[in-house]
Amino acid sequence: MKKLLINPTILMASTLLLMAACKKKSDDPPPTTSENITASAWRYDKAEVDIDLNGTADFPIQESMLESCERDNILTFRSNNTGTIDEGAEKCDASDPQSLDFTWTLSADEKTINFPTAILAGVDGDVKLVSVSATSMVLMKETEVPPLVSPSGKANIILTLKH
């Protein structure tokens, strides 16, 4: 009977090649903020109010306070700094178009996103980009509120969108 001899050098080289081929690439850079924003369409998740303007939500805005026709809108951001707001299944006004185009720009430090026109009620102009990931985008906008809500007459509205 013949013995099968395996060359140790070939065995080691084959093993190293196999391990290298199976190893997850860790040198791929994480997606940029713009890449996360433009990856896919966004939908309303929740809205909250920060009365003391410290950047932390003090209480949620009840979904019953927002019309379902606003909560079902779909926002699509494109890499050329344009986007589309789709009214979703429910339109707030039957005469409104099904979709509207908008533009957006991200500040150089990627902490502010600007919408020349409102993408949702009260969400226009410079809006703080609190965080953005592959699945969630959190926006914060200071707005005027009745003194009954906040003695300063101002509060942050914190809007969370999801994929």
C-alpha atoms as a PDB file:
ATOM      1  CA  MET A   1       0.000   0.000   0.000  1.00  0.00           C
ATOM      2  CA  LYS A   2       1.250   3.455  -0.911  1.00  0.00           C
ATOM      3  CA  LYS A   3       1.330   6.184   1.664  1.00  0.00           C
ATOM      4  CA  LEU A   4      -0.095   9.551   0.742  1.00  0.00           C
ATOM      5  CA  LEU A   5       2.424  12.168   1.650  1.00  0.00           C
ATOM      6  CA  ILE A   6       1.349  15.793   1.942  1.00  0.00           C
ATOM      7  CA  ASN A   7       3.951  18.436   1.637  1.00  0.00           C
ATOM      8  CA  PRO A   8       3.774  20.562   4.845  1.00  0.00           C
ATOM      9  CA  THR A   9       4.584  23.752   2.923  1.00  0.00           C
ATOM     10  CA  ILE A  10       1.699  23.211   0.500  1.00  0.00           C
ATOM     11  CA  LEU A  11      -0.635  22.337   3.392  1.00  0.00           C
ATOM     12  CA  MET A  12       0.288  25.508   5.283  1.00  0.00           C
ATOM     13  CA  ALA A  13       0.009  27.724   2.201  1.00  0.00           C
ATOM     14  CA  SER A  14      -3.400  26.233   1.354  1.00  0.00           C
ATOM     15  CA  THR A  15      -4.624  26.778   4.903  1.00  0.00           C
ATOM     16  CA  LEU A  16      -3.463  30.402   4.915  1.00  0.00           C
ATOM     17  CA  LEU A  17      -5.124  31.050   1.549  1.00  0.00           C
ATOM     18  CA  LEU A  18      -8.372  29.518   2.773  1.00  0.00           C
ATOM     19  CA  MET A  19      -8.309  31.576   5.967  1.00  0.00           C
ATOM     20  CA  ALA A  20      -7.575  34.784   4.043  1.00  0.00           C
ATOM     21  CA  ALA A  21     -10.416  34.121   1.625  1.00  0.00           C
ATOM     22  CA  CYS A  22     -12.897  33.563   4.456  1.00  0.00           C
ATOM     23  CA  LYS A  23     -11.760  36.489   6.597  1.00  0.00           C
ATOM     24  CA  LYS A  24     -14.150  39.428   6.654  1.00  0.00           C
ATOM     25  CA  LYS A  25     -12.603  42.547   5.244  1.00  0.00           C
ATOM     26  CA  SER A  26     -12.085  44.928   8.120  1.00  0.00           C
ATOM     27  CA  ASP A  27     -10.306  47.506   6.011  1.00  0.00           C
ATOM     28  CA  ASP A  28     -13.534  48.608   4.278  1.00  0.00           C
ATOM     29  CA  PRO A  29     -14.431  52.071   5.577  1.00  0.00           C
ATOM     30  CA  PRO A  30     -17.817  52.468   7.244  1.00  0.00           C
ATOM     31  CA  PRO A  31     -20.498  54.217   5.169  1.00  0.00           C
ATOM     32  CA  THR A  32     -20.391  58.000   5.201  1.00  0.00           C
ATOM     33  CA  THR A  33     -23.253  60.066   6.584  1.00  0.00           C
ATOM     34  CA  SER A  34     -24.378  60.864   3.033  1.00  0.00           C
ATOM     35  CA  GLU A  35     -24.255  57.182   2.084  1.00  0.00           C
ATOM     36  CA  ASN A  36     -26.428  56.289   5.090  1.00  0.00           C
ATOM     37  CA  ILE A  37     -28.903  59.072   4.274  1.00  0.00           C
ATOM     38  CA  THR A  38     -29.216  58.024   0.629  1.00  0.00           C
ATOM     39  CA  ALA A  39     -29.136  54.240   1.160  1.00  0.00           C
ATOM     40  CA  SER A  40     -32.909  53.732   1.004  1.00  0.00           C
ATOM     41  CA  ALA A  41     -36.240  55.433   1.689  1.00  0.00           C
ATOM     42  CA  TRP A  42     -37.130  56.748   5.155  1.00  0.00           C
ATOM     43  CA  ARG A  43     -40.423  56.561   7.057  1.00  0.00           C
ATOM     44  CA  TYR A  44     -41.715  58.251  10.189  1.00  0.00           C
ATOM     45  CA  ASP A  45     -40.863  56.400  13.389  1.00  0.00           C
ATOM     46  CA  LYS A  46     -41.581  58.819  16.239  1.00  0.00           C
ATOM     47  CA  ALA A  47     -41.568  62.466  17.307  1.00  0.00           C
ATOM     48  CA  GLU A  48     -40.634  63.845  20.699  1.00  0.00           C
ATOM     49  CA  VAL A  49     -40.370  67.217  22.440  1.00  0.00           C
ATOM     50  CA  ASP A  50     -37.379  68.603  24.335  1.00  0.00           C
ATOM     51  CA  ILE A  51     -38.817  71.463  26.408  1.00  0.00           C
ATOM     52  CA  ASP A  52     -35.653  72.430  28.292  1.00  0.00           C
ATOM     53  CA  LEU A  53     -33.586  72.532  25.071  1.00  0.00           C
ATOM     54  CA  ASN A  54     -30.928  70.157  26.441  1.00  0.00           C
ATOM     55  CA  GLY A  55     -31.082  67.797  23.433  1.00  0.00           C
ATOM     56  CA  THR A  56     -32.882  65.019  25.309  1.00  0.00           C
ATOM     57  CA  ALA A  57     -36.554  64.238  24.730  1.00  0.00           C
ATOM     58  CA  ASP A  58     -38.805  65.150  27.649  1.00  0.00           C
ATOM     59  CA  PHE A  59     -41.945  63.487  26.301  1.00  0.00           C
ATOM     60  CA  PRO A  60     -43.234  61.847  23.125  1.00  0.00           C
ATOM     61  CA  ILE A  61     -45.635  63.496  20.739  1.00  0.00           C
ATOM     62  CA  GLN A  62     -48.628  61.193  20.756  1.00  0.00           C
ATOM     63  CA  GLU A  63     -49.336  59.656  17.366  1.00  0.00           C
ATOM     64  CA  SER A  64     -52.940  60.797  17.729  1.00  0.00           C
ATOM     65  CA  MET A  65     -51.611  64.388  17.561  1.00  0.00           C
ATOM     66  CA  LEU A  66     -50.170  63.725  14.096  1.00  0.00           C
ATOM     67  CA  GLU A  67     -52.387  62.878  11.200  1.00  0.00           C
ATOM     68  CA  SER A  68     -51.868  59.391   9.783  1.00  0.00           C
ATOM     69  CA  CYS A  69     -51.587  60.999   6.344  1.00  0.00           C
ATOM     70  CA  GLU A  70     -48.361  62.659   7.568  1.00  0.00           C
ATOM     71  CA  ARG A  71     -46.978  59.595   9.352  1.00  0.00           C
ATOM     72  CA  ASP A  72     -47.171  57.412   6.213  1.00  0.00           C
ATOM     73  CA  ASN A  73     -45.058  59.717   4.027  1.00  0.00           C
ATOM     74  CA  ILE A  74     -41.943  58.219   2.460  1.00  0.00           C
ATOM     75  CA  LEU A  75     -38.798  60.333   2.088  1.00  0.00           C
ATOM     76  CA  THR A  76     -36.165  59.391  -0.460  1.00  0.00           C
ATOM     77  CA  PHE A  77     -32.814  61.202  -0.448  1.00  0.00           C
ATOM     78  CA  ARG A  78     -30.624  61.007  -3.537  1.00  0.00           C
ATOM     79  CA  SER A  79     -26.860  61.523  -3.666  1.00  0.00           C
ATOM     80  CA  ASN A  80     -27.249  64.578  -5.942  1.00  0.00           C
ATOM     81  CA  ASN A  81     -28.858  66.478  -3.008  1.00  0.00           C
ATOM     82  CA  THR A  82     -32.394  66.100  -4.265  1.00  0.00           C
ATOM     83  CA  GLY A  83     -35.155  63.983  -2.859  1.00  0.00           C
ATOM     84  CA  THR A  84     -38.796  63.003  -3.116  1.00  0.00           C
ATOM     85  CA  ILE A  85     -41.587  63.054  -0.580  1.00  0.00           C
ATOM     86  CA  ASP A  86     -44.193  60.441  -1.438  1.00  0.00           C
ATOM     87  CA  GLU A  87     -47.566  60.974   0.231  1.00  0.00           C
ATOM     88  CA  GLY A  88     -47.915  57.269   0.948  1.00  0.00           C
ATOM     89  CA  ALA A  89     -51.255  55.501   1.001  1.00  0.00           C
ATOM     90  CA  GLU A  90     -53.100  58.410   2.660  1.00  0.00           C
ATOM     91  CA  LYS A  91     -53.017  61.949   1.311  1.00  0.00           C
ATOM     92  CA  CYS A  92     -53.900  64.804   3.676  1.00  0.00           C
ATOM     93  CA  ASP A  93     -55.510  66.674   0.792  1.00  0.00           C
ATOM     94  CA  ALA A  94     -56.850  64.698  -2.155  1.00  0.00           C
ATOM     95  CA  SER A  95     -55.821  67.501  -4.539  1.00  0.00           C
ATOM     96  CA  ASP A  96     -52.150  67.311  -3.457  1.00  0.00           C
ATOM     97  CA  PRO A  97     -49.768  65.563  -5.848  1.00  0.00           C
ATOM     98  CA  GLN A  98     -48.690  62.052  -4.852  1.00  0.00           C
ATOM     99  CA  SER A  99     -45.057  63.138  -4.686  1.00  0.00           C
ATOM    100  CA  LEU A 100     -43.048  66.323  -4.324  1.00  0.00           C
ATOM    101  CA  ASP A 101     -39.397  66.963  -4.997  1.00  0.00           C
ATOM    102  CA  PHE A 102     -37.130  68.668  -2.469  1.00  0.00           C
ATOM    103  CA  THR A 103     -33.476  69.617  -2.136  1.00  0.00           C
ATOM    104  CA  TRP A 104     -31.164  69.113   0.801  1.00  0.00           C
ATOM    105  CA  THR A 105     -27.590  69.910   1.750  1.00  0.00           C
ATOM    106  CA  LEU A 106     -25.376  68.524   4.461  1.00  0.00           C
ATOM    107  CA  SER A 107     -23.022  70.887   6.292  1.00  0.00           C
ATOM    108  CA  ALA A 108     -19.276  70.296   6.001  1.00  0.00           C
ATOM    109  CA  ASP A 109     -19.163  68.934   9.576  1.00  0.00           C
ATOM    110  CA  GLU A 110     -22.170  66.663   8.793  1.00  0.00           C
ATOM    111  CA  LYS A 111     -24.049  67.959  11.878  1.00  0.00           C
ATOM    112  CA  THR A 112     -26.677  70.032  10.074  1.00  0.00           C
ATOM    113  CA  ILE A 113     -28.933  69.217   7.163  1.00  0.00           C
ATOM    114  CA  ASN A 114     -30.723  72.037   5.351  1.00  0.00           C
ATOM    115  CA  PHE A 115     -34.108  71.794   3.665  1.00  0.00           C
ATOM    116  CA  PRO A 116     -35.074  74.984   1.764  1.00  0.00           C
ATOM    117  CA  THR A 117     -38.682  73.753   1.849  1.00  0.00           C
ATOM    118  CA  ALA A 118     -40.426  71.748   4.567  1.00  0.00           C
ATOM    119  CA  ILE A 119     -40.144  67.959   4.280  1.00  0.00           C
ATOM    120  CA  LEU A 120     -42.648  67.535   7.129  1.00  0.00           C
ATOM    121  CA  ALA A 121     -44.638  70.103   9.085  1.00  0.00           C
ATOM    122  CA  GLY A 122     -42.121  72.433  10.739  1.00  0.00           C
ATOM    123  CA  VAL A 123     -39.054  70.597   9.420  1.00  0.00           C
ATOM    124  CA  ASP A 124     -37.315  73.081   7.136  1.00  0.00           C
ATOM    125  CA  GLY A 125     -34.271  75.326   7.088  1.00  0.00           C
ATOM    126  CA  ASP A 126     -31.284  74.210   9.148  1.00  0.00           C
ATOM    127  CA  VAL A 127     -32.066  71.038  11.082  1.00  0.00           C
ATOM    128  CA  LYS A 128     -29.618  69.397  13.480  1.00  0.00           C
ATOM    129  CA  LEU A 129     -28.641  65.893  12.396  1.00  0.00           C
ATOM    130  CA  VAL A 130     -28.439  64.194  15.793  1.00  0.00           C
ATOM    131  CA  SER A 131     -27.518  60.791  14.391  1.00  0.00           C
ATOM    132  CA  VAL A 132     -27.755  58.686  11.277  1.00  0.00           C
ATOM    133  CA  SER A 133     -27.079  54.996  10.843  1.00  0.00           C
ATOM    134  CA  ALA A 134     -28.008  52.298   8.368  1.00  0.00           C
ATOM    135  CA  THR A 135     -31.470  52.034   9.980  1.00  0.00           C
ATOM    136  CA  SER A 136     -32.260  55.291  11.813  1.00  0.00           C
ATOM    137  CA  MET A 137     -32.001  59.052  11.307  1.00  0.00           C
ATOM    138  CA  VAL A 138     -32.686  61.461  14.173  1.00  0.00           C
ATOM    139  CA  LEU A 139     -33.333  65.126  13.375  1.00  0.00           C
ATOM    140  CA  MET A 140     -33.818  67.996  15.831  1.00  0.00           C
ATOM    141  CA  LYS A 141     -35.294  71.415  15.109  1.00  0.00           C
ATOM    142  CA  GLU A 142     -35.784  74.273  17.548  1.00  0.00           C
ATOM    143  CA  THR A 143     -39.218  75.773  17.121  1.00  0.00           C
ATOM    144  CA  GLU A 144     -41.522  78.256  18.771  1.00  0.00           C
ATOM    145  CA  VAL A 145     -44.209  76.821  21.010  1.00  0.00           C
ATOM    146  CA  PRO A 146     -46.940  78.386  23.162  1.00  0.00           C
ATOM    147  CA  PRO A 147     -45.725  79.645  26.574  1.00  0.00           C
ATOM    148  CA  LEU A 148     -48.032  77.075  28.144  1.00  0.00           C
ATOM    149  CA  VAL A 149     -45.796  74.342  26.681  1.00  0.00           C
ATOM    150  CA  SER A 150     -42.468  76.020  27.460  1.00  0.00           C
ATOM    151  CA  PRO A 151     -41.879  79.221  29.460  1.00  0.00           C
ATOM    152  CA  SER A 152     -39.135  80.232  26.998  1.00  0.00           C
ATOM    153  CA  GLY A 153     -41.577  79.907  24.101  1.00  0.00           C
ATOM    154  CA  LYS A 154     -39.137  77.498  22.424  1.00  0.00           C
ATOM    155  CA  ALA A 155     -38.682  73.737  22.313  1.00  0.00           C
ATOM    156  CA  ASN A 156     -36.813  71.191  20.240  1.00  0.00           C
ATOM    157  CA  ILE A 157     -38.839  68.819  18.127  1.00  0.00           C
ATOM    158  CA  ILE A 158     -36.950  65.540  17.762  1.00  0.00           C
ATOM    159  CA  LEU A 159     -37.998  63.474  14.747  1.00  0.00           C
ATOM    160  CA  THR A 160     -36.840  59.893  14.254  1.00  0.00           C
ATOM    161  CA  LEU A 161     -37.063  58.293  10.814  1.00  0.00           C
ATOM    162  CA  LYS A 162     -36.425  54.647  10.009  1.00  0.00           C
ATOM    163  CA  HIS A 163     -35.852  52.430   6.989  1.00  0.00           C
END
